[in-house]
Amino acid sequence: MSVYDLKAGDTATIVKTDFSGGAGARLASLGITAGKRVTVLAFSLFKSSVLIGCGAVRLGVRKSLAKLIEVELCG
């Protein structure tokens, strides 16, 4: 399951991330790494991007990157 498959308000734990290069380094520097909890805050109008929260970070991620963040639902 990916972050994109969650519903708004769902919280999950990041299992792994499948991106590399500049985007991977940027997200890792913001704390979007395996083992962290992530919450889906909202989707854009046509679900082309996802607003996620991870710790103190709130971040808009485009659909293609959101599908590369593999998660497992919490509780």
N, C-alpha and C. Protein backbone atom coordinates (compact mmCIF):
# COMPACT_ATOMS: atom_id res chain seq x y z
N MET A 1 0.86 -1.17 0.00
CA MET A 1 0.00 0.00 0.00
C MET A 1 0.90 1.24 0.00
N SER A 2 0.49 2.25 -0.72
CA SER A 2 1.27 3.49 -0.78
C SER A 2 0.52 4.62 -0.06
N VAL A 3 1.20 5.73 0.13
CA VAL A 3 0.58 6.91 0.74
C VAL A 3 -0.61 7.35 -0.09
N TYR A 4 -0.53 7.22 -1.39
CA TYR A 4 -1.60 7.64 -2.28
C TYR A 4 -2.87 6.81 -2.08
N ASP A 5 -2.74 5.57 -1.60
CA ASP A 5 -3.88 4.68 -1.40
C ASP A 5 -4.64 4.97 -0.09
N LEU A 6 -4.05 5.75 0.80
CA LEU A 6 -4.70 6.07 2.08
C LEU A 6 -5.81 7.09 1.87
N LYS A 7 -6.67 7.23 2.87
CA LYS A 7 -7.71 8.26 2.86
C LYS A 7 -7.24 9.43 3.72
N ALA A 8 -7.84 10.58 3.51
CA ALA A 8 -7.51 11.76 4.32
C ALA A 8 -7.80 11.43 5.78
N GLY A 9 -6.84 11.71 6.65
CA GLY A 9 -6.97 11.44 8.07
C GLY A 9 -6.30 10.16 8.51
N ASP A 10 -5.95 9.27 7.58
CA ASP A 10 -5.29 8.01 7.93
C ASP A 10 -3.84 8.24 8.34
N THR A 11 -3.40 7.46 9.32
CA THR A 11 -2.00 7.49 9.77
C THR A 11 -1.38 6.14 9.49
N ALA A 12 -0.15 6.14 8.99
CA ALA A 12 0.54 4.91 8.64
C ALA A 12 2.03 5.06 8.95
N THR A 13 2.70 3.93 8.99
CA THR A 13 4.15 3.91 9.19
C THR A 13 4.81 3.64 7.84
N ILE A 14 5.84 4.40 7.54
CA ILE A 14 6.56 4.23 6.28
C ILE A 14 7.39 2.94 6.37
N VAL A 15 7.17 2.03 5.42
CA VAL A 15 7.91 0.78 5.36
C VAL A 15 9.18 0.96 4.53
N LYS A 16 9.03 1.55 3.34
CA LYS A 16 10.20 1.85 2.50
C LYS A 16 9.84 2.92 1.49
N THR A 17 10.87 3.54 0.98
CA THR A 17 10.70 4.56 -0.06
C THR A 17 11.48 4.10 -1.29
N ASP A 18 10.89 4.24 -2.46
CA ASP A 18 11.50 3.75 -3.69
C ASP A 18 11.99 4.85 -4.61
N PHE A 19 12.30 6.03 -4.07
CA PHE A 19 12.77 7.09 -4.95
C PHE A 19 14.25 7.35 -4.70
N SER A 20 14.88 7.96 -5.67
CA SER A 20 16.30 8.26 -5.57
C SER A 20 16.58 9.62 -6.20
N GLY A 21 17.81 10.01 -6.22
CA GLY A 21 18.18 11.28 -6.82
C GLY A 21 17.82 12.46 -5.95
N GLY A 22 17.56 13.59 -6.59
CA GLY A 22 17.26 14.83 -5.88
C GLY A 22 16.02 14.76 -5.02
N ALA A 23 14.96 14.15 -5.55
CA ALA A 23 13.71 14.04 -4.80
C ALA A 23 13.90 13.18 -3.56
N GLY A 24 14.61 12.08 -3.70
CA GLY A 24 14.86 11.19 -2.57
C GLY A 24 15.67 11.86 -1.48
N ALA A 25 16.70 12.60 -1.88
CA ALA A 25 17.54 13.30 -0.91
C ALA A 25 16.76 14.40 -0.20
N ARG A 26 15.94 15.10 -0.93
CA ARG A 26 15.14 16.18 -0.35
C ARG A 26 14.13 15.63 0.66
N LEU A 27 13.42 14.58 0.30
CA LEU A 27 12.44 14.01 1.22
C LEU A 27 13.12 13.38 2.44
N ALA A 28 14.25 12.75 2.24
CA ALA A 28 14.99 12.18 3.37
C ALA A 28 15.46 13.28 4.33
N SER A 29 15.88 14.41 3.79
CA SER A 29 16.33 15.52 4.63
C SER A 29 15.17 16.12 5.43
N LEU A 30 13.94 15.95 4.92
CA LEU A 30 12.76 16.45 5.63
C LEU A 30 12.20 15.41 6.60
N GLY A 31 12.81 14.23 6.66
CA GLY A 31 12.39 13.22 7.61
C GLY A 31 11.42 12.19 7.07
N ILE A 32 11.22 12.17 5.76
CA ILE A 32 10.33 11.18 5.15
C ILE A 32 11.17 9.93 4.90
N THR A 33 11.35 9.10 5.93
CA THR A 33 12.19 7.91 5.87
C THR A 33 11.47 6.72 6.48
N ALA A 34 11.99 5.54 6.24
CA ALA A 34 11.39 4.31 6.78
C ALA A 34 11.34 4.36 8.30
N GLY A 35 10.23 3.87 8.85
CA GLY A 35 10.05 3.84 10.29
C GLY A 35 9.29 5.03 10.86
N LYS A 36 9.15 6.09 10.09
CA LYS A 36 8.45 7.30 10.55
C LYS A 36 6.95 7.16 10.30
N ARG A 37 6.17 7.84 11.12
CA ARG A 37 4.71 7.87 10.92
C ARG A 37 4.34 9.05 10.04
N VAL A 38 3.41 8.79 9.15
CA VAL A 38 2.96 9.82 8.22
C VAL A 38 1.43 9.85 8.25
N THR A 39 0.87 11.06 8.18
CA THR A 39 -0.58 11.25 8.18
C THR A 39 -0.97 11.96 6.90
N VAL A 40 -2.00 11.45 6.24
CA VAL A 40 -2.53 12.11 5.05
C VAL A 40 -3.48 13.21 5.53
N LEU A 41 -3.14 14.45 5.23
CA LEU A 41 -3.94 15.58 5.67
C LEU A 41 -5.03 15.94 4.66
N ALA A 42 -4.70 15.89 3.38
CA ALA A 42 -5.68 16.25 2.34
C ALA A 42 -5.16 15.85 0.97
N PHE A 43 -6.09 15.79 0.02
CA PHE A 43 -5.75 15.58 -1.38
C PHE A 43 -6.11 16.85 -2.15
N SER A 44 -5.43 17.07 -3.28
CA SER A 44 -5.78 18.19 -4.14
C SER A 44 -7.10 17.87 -4.84
N LEU A 45 -7.63 18.82 -5.56
CA LEU A 45 -8.95 18.72 -6.17
C LEU A 45 -9.12 17.46 -7.03
N PHE A 46 -8.19 17.17 -7.89
CA PHE A 46 -8.29 16.00 -8.76
C PHE A 46 -7.34 14.88 -8.35
N LYS A 47 -6.94 14.87 -7.06
CA LYS A 47 -6.02 13.88 -6.50
C LYS A 47 -4.69 13.83 -7.26
N SER A 48 -4.21 14.98 -7.72
CA SER A 48 -2.93 15.01 -8.41
C SER A 48 -1.78 15.20 -7.43
N SER A 49 -2.09 15.56 -6.19
CA SER A 49 -1.07 15.67 -5.15
C SER A 49 -1.70 15.40 -3.78
N VAL A 50 -0.82 15.12 -2.81
CA VAL A 50 -1.24 14.75 -1.47
C VAL A 50 -0.52 15.64 -0.46
N LEU A 51 -1.25 16.16 0.51
CA LEU A 51 -0.64 16.91 1.61
C LEU A 51 -0.45 15.93 2.75
N ILE A 52 0.82 15.73 3.16
CA ILE A 52 1.12 14.78 4.23
C ILE A 52 1.80 15.48 5.39
N GLY A 53 1.69 14.90 6.54
CA GLY A 53 2.37 15.39 7.72
C GLY A 53 3.25 14.28 8.28
N CYS A 54 4.47 14.63 8.62
CA CYS A 54 5.41 13.67 9.19
C CYS A 54 6.20 14.41 10.26
N GLY A 55 5.86 14.18 11.52
CA GLY A 55 6.47 14.94 12.60
C GLY A 55 6.02 16.38 12.52
N ALA A 56 6.97 17.32 12.51
CA ALA A 56 6.65 18.74 12.44
C ALA A 56 6.56 19.24 11.00
N VAL A 57 6.80 18.37 10.04
CA VAL A 57 6.84 18.73 8.62
C VAL A 57 5.49 18.51 7.96
N ARG A 58 5.02 19.49 7.23
CA ARG A 58 3.83 19.38 6.38
C ARG A 58 4.31 19.58 4.96
N LEU A 59 3.96 18.64 4.08
CA LEU A 59 4.56 18.62 2.76
C LEU A 59 3.56 18.20 1.70
N GLY A 60 3.55 18.91 0.60
CA GLY A 60 2.75 18.52 -0.56
C GLY A 60 3.59 17.66 -1.48
N VAL A 61 3.09 16.48 -1.81
CA VAL A 61 3.83 15.52 -2.63
C VAL A 61 2.99 15.19 -3.86
N ARG A 62 3.59 15.23 -5.03
CA ARG A 62 2.84 14.89 -6.23
C ARG A 62 2.52 13.39 -6.27
N LYS A 63 1.52 13.06 -7.05
CA LYS A 63 0.98 11.69 -7.12
C LYS A 63 2.07 10.65 -7.39
N SER A 64 2.95 10.93 -8.33
CA SER A 64 3.98 9.95 -8.71
C SER A 64 4.92 9.63 -7.55
N LEU A 65 5.27 10.62 -6.73
CA LEU A 65 6.12 10.37 -5.57
C LEU A 65 5.34 9.70 -4.44
N ALA A 66 4.09 10.08 -4.26
CA ALA A 66 3.27 9.49 -3.20
C ALA A 66 3.09 7.99 -3.42
N LYS A 67 3.05 7.57 -4.67
CA LYS A 67 2.90 6.14 -4.96
C LYS A 67 4.18 5.36 -4.67
N LEU A 68 5.30 6.05 -4.50
CA LEU A 68 6.57 5.38 -4.22
C LEU A 68 6.87 5.27 -2.72
N ILE A 69 6.01 5.83 -1.89
CA ILE A 69 6.20 5.74 -0.44
C ILE A 69 5.31 4.60 0.07
N GLU A 70 5.92 3.46 0.35
CA GLU A 70 5.19 2.29 0.80
C GLU A 70 4.93 2.38 2.30
N VAL A 71 3.68 2.16 2.70
CA VAL A 71 3.29 2.32 4.11
C VAL A 71 2.49 1.13 4.61
N GLU A 72 2.36 1.08 5.93
CA GLU A 72 1.53 0.07 6.60
C GLU A 72 0.64 0.81 7.57
N LEU A 73 -0.66 0.59 7.51
CA LEU A 73 -1.61 1.30 8.38
C LEU A 73 -1.32 1.05 9.85
N CYS A 74 -1.52 2.06 10.67
CA CYS A 74 -1.35 1.96 12.12
C CYS A 74 -2.66 1.53 12.75
N GLY A 75 -2.54 0.62 13.72
CA GLY A 75 -3.62 0.19 14.59
C GLY A 75 -4.93 0.01 14.01
